[in-house]
N, C-alpha and C. Protein backbone atom coordinates (compact mmCIF):
# COMPACT_ATOMS: atom_id res chain seq x y z
N MET A 1 -3.22 11.56 -18.40
CA MET A 1 -3.74 10.80 -17.94
C MET A 1 -3.39 9.09 -17.98
N LEU A 2 -2.41 8.38 -18.99
CA LEU A 2 -2.22 7.06 -19.18
C LEU A 2 -0.71 6.86 -18.89
N THR A 3 -0.14 8.20 -19.00
CA THR A 3 1.24 8.14 -18.12
C THR A 3 1.49 7.91 -17.01
N ASN A 4 0.57 7.25 -16.24
CA ASN A 4 0.33 6.33 -14.20
C ASN A 4 -0.28 5.18 -15.11
N LEU A 5 0.29 4.39 -15.93
CA LEU A 5 -0.33 3.11 -15.90
C LEU A 5 -0.10 2.16 -14.98
N PRO A 6 0.49 2.21 -14.50
CA PRO A 6 0.72 1.13 -12.88
C PRO A 6 -0.86 1.45 -12.09
N VAL A 7 -2.02 2.56 -12.05
CA VAL A 7 -3.14 2.89 -11.39
C VAL A 7 -4.11 2.38 -12.01
N TRP A 8 -4.00 2.28 -13.31
CA TRP A 8 -4.64 1.33 -14.80
C TRP A 8 -4.57 0.05 -14.27
N ARG A 9 -3.46 -0.67 -14.02
CA ARG A 9 -2.93 -2.09 -14.05
C ARG A 9 -3.57 -2.69 -12.71
N ALA A 10 -3.63 -1.27 -11.57
CA ALA A 10 -4.39 -2.34 -10.47
C ALA A 10 -5.36 -1.64 -10.58
N ALA A 11 -5.90 -0.65 -10.95
CA ALA A 11 -7.66 -1.10 -10.80
C ALA A 11 -8.21 -2.24 -11.87
N LEU A 12 -7.55 -2.66 -12.84
CA LEU A 12 -7.98 -3.84 -13.82
C LEU A 12 -6.70 -4.55 -14.08
N PRO A 13 -6.98 -5.24 -12.89
CA PRO A 13 -5.70 -6.81 -13.09
C PRO A 13 -5.69 -7.83 -14.06
N ASP A 14 -6.73 -8.19 -14.05
CA ASP A 14 -6.94 -8.85 -15.12
C ASP A 14 -6.98 -8.68 -16.79
N CYS A 15 -6.85 -7.20 -16.97
CA CYS A 15 -6.77 -6.70 -18.16
C CYS A 15 -5.36 -6.47 -18.53
N ASP A 16 -5.09 -6.47 -20.11
CA ASP A 16 -3.97 -5.72 -21.06
C ASP A 16 -4.69 -4.57 -21.54
N ILE A 17 -3.96 -3.01 -20.81
CA ILE A 17 -4.21 -2.15 -21.05
C ILE A 17 -3.09 -1.84 -22.07
N SER A 18 -4.02 -0.61 -23.57
CA SER A 18 -2.88 0.00 -23.87
C SER A 18 -3.10 1.16 -24.36
N ALA A 19 -2.38 2.32 -25.40
CA ALA A 19 -3.26 3.38 -25.82
C ALA A 19 -2.50 3.68 -27.09
N ASP A 20 -3.10 4.34 -28.21
CA ASP A 20 -2.82 4.36 -29.43
C ASP A 20 -3.44 6.03 -29.48
N GLU A 21 -2.30 6.85 -29.67
CA GLU A 21 -2.55 8.39 -30.18
C GLU A 21 -3.49 8.50 -31.02
N ARG A 22 -4.40 9.43 -31.51
CA ARG A 22 -5.36 10.14 -32.49
C ARG A 22 -4.12 10.95 -32.92
N PRO A 23 -4.93 11.63 -34.64
CA PRO A 23 -4.37 12.61 -35.13
C PRO A 23 -4.81 13.80 -34.19
N ASP A 24 -5.57 13.82 -33.56
CA ASP A 24 -6.38 15.08 -33.15
C ASP A 24 -5.89 15.38 -31.58
N GLY A 25 -5.09 14.72 -30.83
CA GLY A 25 -4.06 14.65 -29.94
C GLY A 25 -5.01 13.87 -28.72
N SER A 26 -6.06 12.99 -29.19
CA SER A 26 -6.47 12.63 -28.35
C SER A 26 -6.12 11.26 -28.00
N LEU A 27 -5.95 10.04 -27.07
CA LEU A 27 -5.95 8.66 -27.19
C LEU A 27 -7.04 7.83 -27.36
N VAL A 28 -6.75 6.44 -27.76
CA VAL A 28 -7.74 5.48 -28.28
C VAL A 28 -6.92 4.49 -26.56
N LEU A 29 -8.01 4.35 -25.82
CA LEU A 29 -7.57 3.27 -24.66
C LEU A 29 -8.07 2.01 -25.28
N ILE A 30 -7.76 1.12 -25.22
CA ILE A 30 -7.24 -0.30 -25.52
C ILE A 30 -7.52 -1.70 -24.31
N VAL A 31 -8.72 -1.91 -23.84
CA VAL A 31 -8.40 -2.88 -22.59
C VAL A 31 -8.77 -4.04 -22.94
N LYS A 32 -8.19 -4.96 -22.75
CA LYS A 32 -8.81 -6.11 -23.41
C LYS A 32 -8.61 -7.01 -22.40
N SER A 33 -10.10 -7.74 -21.96
CA SER A 33 -9.97 -8.81 -20.40
C SER A 33 -9.55 -10.34 -20.88
N ALA A 34 -9.09 -11.10 -19.81
CA ALA A 34 -8.71 -12.08 -19.95
C ALA A 34 -9.77 -13.14 -20.74
N ASP A 35 -10.77 -12.85 -20.83
CA ASP A 35 -11.98 -13.57 -21.53
C ASP A 35 -11.70 -13.17 -23.11
N GLY A 36 -10.72 -12.28 -23.41
CA GLY A 36 -11.03 -12.11 -24.87
C GLY A 36 -12.16 -10.46 -25.08
N LYS A 37 -12.19 -10.36 -24.23
CA LYS A 37 -13.61 -8.58 -24.81
C LYS A 37 -12.55 -8.14 -24.97
N GLU A 38 -12.89 -7.47 -25.89
CA GLU A 38 -12.01 -6.03 -26.04
C GLU A 38 -12.50 -4.80 -26.18
N LEU A 39 -12.33 -3.52 -25.51
CA LEU A 39 -13.18 -2.54 -25.45
C LEU A 39 -11.88 -1.18 -26.18
N ARG A 40 -12.79 -0.72 -26.88
CA ARG A 40 -12.04 0.65 -27.43
C ARG A 40 -13.07 2.04 -27.09
N ARG A 41 -11.93 2.94 -26.08
CA ARG A 41 -12.67 4.24 -26.14
C ARG A 41 -11.80 5.32 -26.01
N VAL A 42 -12.72 6.39 -26.77
CA VAL A 42 -11.60 7.43 -26.79
C VAL A 42 -11.96 8.33 -26.12
N LEU A 43 -10.23 8.93 -25.36
CA LEU A 43 -10.13 9.77 -24.48
C LEU A 43 -9.75 11.21 -24.58
N PRO A 44 -10.28 12.05 -24.71
CA PRO A 44 -9.83 13.44 -25.09
C PRO A 44 -8.47 13.78 -24.57
N SER A 45 -8.02 14.95 -24.97
CA SER A 45 -6.53 14.88 -24.43
C SER A 45 -6.16 15.53 -22.86
N ASP A 46 -7.40 16.76 -22.69
CA ASP A 46 -7.59 17.49 -21.94
C ASP A 46 -8.39 16.49 -20.45
N MET A 47 -8.82 15.06 -20.71
CA MET A 47 -9.41 14.91 -19.72
C MET A 47 -8.30 14.42 -18.40
N LYS A 48 -8.77 14.87 -16.87
CA LYS A 48 -8.26 14.78 -15.74
C LYS A 48 -8.45 13.75 -15.10
N ASN A 49 -9.01 13.40 -15.03
CA ASN A 49 -10.23 12.67 -14.01
C ASN A 49 -9.99 11.24 -14.61
N ALA A 50 -8.91 10.51 -14.07
CA ALA A 50 -8.68 8.71 -14.72
C ALA A 50 -9.67 7.71 -13.88
N ASP A 51 -10.31 8.46 -12.73
CA ASP A 51 -11.58 7.72 -11.61
C ASP A 51 -12.82 7.21 -12.77
N HIS A 52 -13.06 8.42 -12.92
CA HIS A 52 -14.19 8.31 -14.44
C HIS A 52 -14.11 7.22 -14.93
N VAL A 53 -13.01 7.40 -15.33
CA VAL A 53 -13.22 6.31 -16.44
C VAL A 53 -12.83 5.15 -16.79
N ILE A 54 -11.95 4.57 -15.42
CA ILE A 54 -12.02 3.54 -14.78
C ILE A 54 -13.08 2.84 -14.70
N ARG A 55 -14.02 3.83 -13.75
CA ARG A 55 -15.58 3.00 -13.20
C ARG A 55 -16.15 2.57 -14.41
N ARG A 56 -16.19 3.76 -15.61
CA ARG A 56 -16.99 3.50 -17.04
C ARG A 56 -16.16 1.71 -17.31
N VAL A 57 -15.29 2.32 -17.81
CA VAL A 57 -14.46 0.84 -18.33
C VAL A 57 -15.30 -0.83 -17.40
N ARG A 58 -15.21 -0.64 -16.24
CA ARG A 58 -15.13 -1.84 -15.52
C ARG A 58 -17.18 -1.96 -15.94
N LEU A 59 -18.00 -1.11 -15.54
CA LEU A 59 -18.95 -0.82 -15.87
C LEU A 59 -19.32 -1.56 -17.64
N ASP A 60 -18.53 -1.16 -18.14
CA ASP A 60 -18.90 -1.96 -20.34
C ASP A 60 -18.30 -3.36 -19.75
N LEU A 61 -16.76 -3.71 -18.91
CA LEU A 61 -16.50 -4.86 -19.29
C LEU A 61 -17.89 -5.75 -18.44
N MET A 62 -17.91 -5.81 -18.02
CA MET A 62 -19.37 -6.61 -16.66
C MET A 62 -20.52 -6.77 -17.93
N LEU A 63 -20.93 -5.67 -18.16
CA LEU A 63 -21.96 -5.91 -19.50
C LEU A 63 -21.45 -6.81 -20.15
N ALA A 64 -19.98 -6.61 -20.93
CA ALA A 64 -19.94 -6.97 -22.02
C ALA A 64 -19.42 -8.94 -22.09
N LYS A 65 -19.48 -8.94 -20.69
CA LYS A 65 -19.24 -10.22 -20.24
C LYS A 65 -20.80 -11.33 -19.77
N GLY A 66 -21.42 -10.69 -20.02
CA GLY A 66 -22.84 -10.53 -19.20
C GLY A 66 -23.04 -10.72 -18.13
N GLN A 67 -22.36 -10.13 -17.34
CA GLN A 67 -22.73 -9.81 -15.76
C GLN A 67 -23.86 -9.04 -15.30
N ALA A 68 -24.25 -9.32 -14.47
CA ALA A 68 -24.88 -7.69 -13.74
C ALA A 68 -23.41 -6.87 -13.35
N PRO A 69 -24.26 -5.68 -13.20
CA PRO A 69 -23.06 -4.43 -12.91
C PRO A 69 -23.43 -4.44 -11.21
N THR A 70 -22.20 -5.02 -10.66
CA THR A 70 -22.46 -4.54 -9.34
C THR A 70 -22.78 -3.32 -8.45
N ARG A 71 -23.04 -3.59 -7.29
CA ARG A 71 -23.53 -2.34 -6.63
C ARG A 71 -22.48 -1.54 -6.50
N GLU A 72 -21.05 -1.58 -5.88
CA GLU A 72 -20.04 -1.03 -6.01
C GLU A 72 -19.36 -0.06 -7.29
N VAL A 73 -20.10 -0.65 -8.55
CA VAL A 73 -19.55 0.05 -9.98
C VAL A 73 -20.71 0.96 -9.70
N ILE A 74 -22.25 0.49 -9.85
CA ILE A 74 -22.91 1.11 -10.08
C ILE A 74 -23.51 2.68 -8.57
N GLY A 75 -23.10 2.43 -7.69
CA GLY A 75 -22.89 3.24 -7.21
C GLY A 75 -22.08 4.29 -7.16
N THR A 76 -20.95 3.85 -8.08
CA THR A 76 -19.71 5.15 -8.19
C THR A 76 -20.54 5.96 -9.48
N ILE A 77 -21.28 5.69 -10.61
CA ILE A 77 -21.33 6.42 -11.44
C ILE A 77 -21.92 8.32 -11.24
N ASP A 78 -21.76 9.36 -11.51
CA ASP A 78 -22.18 10.39 -11.41
C ASP A 78 -23.27 10.77 -11.80
N VAL A 79 -24.29 10.90 -11.66
CA VAL A 79 -25.78 11.10 -12.46
C VAL A 79 -25.98 12.30 -12.59
N SER A 80 -25.47 13.33 -12.07
CA SER A 80 -25.21 15.03 -12.95
C SER A 80 -24.45 15.26 -14.10
N THR A 81 -23.87 14.46 -14.29
CA THR A 81 -23.18 14.20 -15.93
C THR A 81 -23.27 13.71 -16.54
N LEU A 82 -24.58 12.84 -16.98
CA LEU A 82 -25.52 11.92 -17.45
C LEU A 82 -25.32 12.94 -19.05
N PRO A 83 -24.88 12.54 -20.10
CA PRO A 83 -25.53 13.14 -21.86
C PRO A 83 -26.61 13.18 -21.87
N THR A 84 -27.06 14.70 -22.36
CA THR A 84 -28.28 14.42 -23.07
C THR A 84 -27.98 14.97 -24.80
N TYR A 85 -29.00 14.63 -25.45
CA TYR A 85 -28.57 15.16 -26.90
C TYR A 85 -27.76 15.80 -27.67
N ASN A 86 -28.25 17.21 -26.88
CA ASN A 86 -27.34 18.31 -27.31
C ASN A 86 -25.72 18.99 -26.62
N ASN A 87 -26.05 17.79 -25.37
CA ASN A 87 -25.39 18.32 -23.97
C ASN A 87 -25.85 19.47 -23.28
N GLY A 88 -27.19 19.91 -23.48
CA GLY A 88 -28.15 21.00 -23.08
C GLY A 88 -29.19 20.47 -21.79
N GLN A 89 -29.35 21.61 -21.44
CA GLN A 89 -31.12 21.63 -20.59
C GLN A 89 -32.09 20.82 -21.59
N LEU A 90 -31.90 19.94 -20.46
CA LEU A 90 -33.50 18.78 -20.49
C LEU A 90 -34.99 20.05 -20.58
N TYR A 91 -35.81 19.82 -21.43
CA TYR A 91 -36.71 20.83 -22.04
C TYR A 91 -38.38 19.71 -21.83
N LYS A 92 -39.29 20.06 -21.80
CA LYS A 92 -40.98 19.66 -21.93
C LYS A 92 -40.81 18.59 -23.26
N THR A 93 -41.15 18.02 -22.84
CA THR A 93 -41.72 17.20 -24.35
C THR A 93 -42.22 18.21 -25.45
N ARG A 94 -42.26 17.48 -26.77
CA ARG A 94 -42.49 18.42 -27.69
C ARG A 94 -44.27 19.09 -27.62
N ALA A 95 -45.13 17.96 -27.41
CA ALA A 95 -46.20 17.74 -26.80
C ALA A 95 -47.15 18.69 -26.02
N ALA A 96 -46.25 18.77 -24.84
CA ALA A 96 -46.57 19.55 -23.97
C ALA A 96 -45.94 20.62 -24.25
N SER A 97 -44.95 21.21 -24.52
CA SER A 97 -44.24 22.12 -25.23
C SER A 97 -46.06 22.96 -26.75
N LEU A 98 -46.10 22.23 -26.71
CA LEU A 98 -47.23 22.89 -27.68
C LEU A 98 -48.25 23.34 -27.00
N TRP A 99 -48.88 22.25 -26.26
CA TRP A 99 -49.96 23.01 -25.17
C TRP A 99 -49.77 24.19 -24.67
N GLU A 100 -48.62 24.48 -24.08
CA GLU A 100 -47.59 25.35 -23.47
C GLU A 100 -47.96 26.59 -24.50
N ARG A 101 -47.60 26.48 -25.40
CA ARG A 101 -47.48 27.35 -26.13
C ARG A 101 -48.38 28.01 -26.41
N ARG A 102 -49.95 27.21 -26.99
CA ARG A 102 -51.56 27.24 -27.09
C ARG A 102 -52.21 28.16 -25.79
N ARG A 103 -51.55 27.61 -24.82
CA ARG A 103 -52.18 28.71 -23.72
C ARG A 103 -51.83 29.57 -23.88
N LEU A 104 -50.30 30.06 -23.68
CA LEU A 104 -49.85 31.33 -23.72
C LEU A 104 -50.85 32.38 -24.82
N ALA A 105 -50.75 31.43 -26.06
CA ALA A 105 -51.08 32.49 -26.96
C ALA A 105 -52.21 32.61 -27.08
N MET A 106 -53.78 32.24 -26.21
CA MET A 106 -54.85 31.93 -25.96
C MET A 106 -54.94 33.57 -25.10
N LYS A 107 -53.55 33.46 -23.81
CA LYS A 107 -54.02 34.60 -22.91
C LYS A 107 -53.13 35.90 -23.56
N ALA A 108 -52.84 35.70 -24.65
CA ALA A 108 -52.35 36.81 -25.21
C ALA A 108 -53.05 37.78 -26.57
N SER A 109 -54.19 36.75 -27.12
CA SER A 109 -55.27 36.72 -28.13
C SER A 109 -56.72 37.63 -26.85
N MET A 110 -56.41 37.26 -25.25
CA MET A 110 -57.08 38.21 -24.54
C MET A 110 -57.40 38.80 -24.45
N ASN A 111 -56.50 39.44 -24.40
CA ASN A 111 -55.89 40.71 -23.86
C ASN A 111 -55.26 41.79 -25.04
């Protein structure tokens, strides 16, 4: 993914981009902006789509500089892949599931 550094430099022209390899095969992306802000992101070795990471880095740089994210950057974020706590499905709250269990238990005891 970082083998095509001209794409990264064209997407982030005012930043210095480098990468360090980790022992597990993943890369640490280091982005230094002109105003001295530095971001470090761990990239997995099997990641194929650099566009998503570039958009995320742009958003992180804007937030680090104290700027409000532009509509262009926010509009390109894929909300279908937002992480959950365990990377699984979202469930009801604990209180809602307790009431659901009680309701089911009451139905079972009546039958």
